[in-house]
């Protein structure tokens, strides 16, 4: 009888040990799975929203811009015979990432000291014109654009900006809006792409329109050699 009682106790202990080991194993499994899910959530949160329009063909984008610029110049000359291009700007459609951004061309005239004349083209080539007070839009200091230095289109400039911090900024700020501006401006009076990511904090990236390299706000190269080939002493002339 004592032998049977000892065996029963032994069996009970073994069963309890197996149950405890099983519970520990199940708990460890769910703990690891929970940790993996959290890691996946973190990785997902760190991924920037896709901008599928960035995958478009550079040549097609350049052809579209050239076509719209030619049309803009004709209409600007109808406004003022001495009209000259001072800016080109776009807003990247974050809420519609596959849509090609609308393009806006901004013109000035020595006969119109207080206003900029603008024309915007949608993705389907519809356009709208407006006369806007300089103090309300881009300020008074815009210079005529040297088109010979306009060698990189907005798609190339934005892809460059994405690769040097823009994409990471969007991953950390998924609500960020992107504005793209081309002007002949300081520093050095060169033709610059200025890509600005707007969220709670802003990020500005300056890209040379001539060769697509990145510079800081003082005109010092961030990536590449010290000179990008633009002549800092050359300024546009009003024709």
Foldseek 3Di string as FASTA:
>chain_A
DVVVVVVVVVVVVVVVVVVVVVVVVVVVVVVVVVVVVVVVVVVVLQFFDDQVCLPDDQVVVVVVVVVVVVVVVVVVCVVPVLKFWFKKKWWQPLVPSNADTKIKTWIDDPVCQFWIWMWIQGSVGDIDIDIGGQVVPVHRDTAGADCVQQQGDPSLLVVLVCVPCVRSVCSVVVPWIWMWMWGQDDDLSATWIWIWTDDPDIDIWIAGSRPGFTADRNQAGPDDDRDPPDDSVDGDDRD
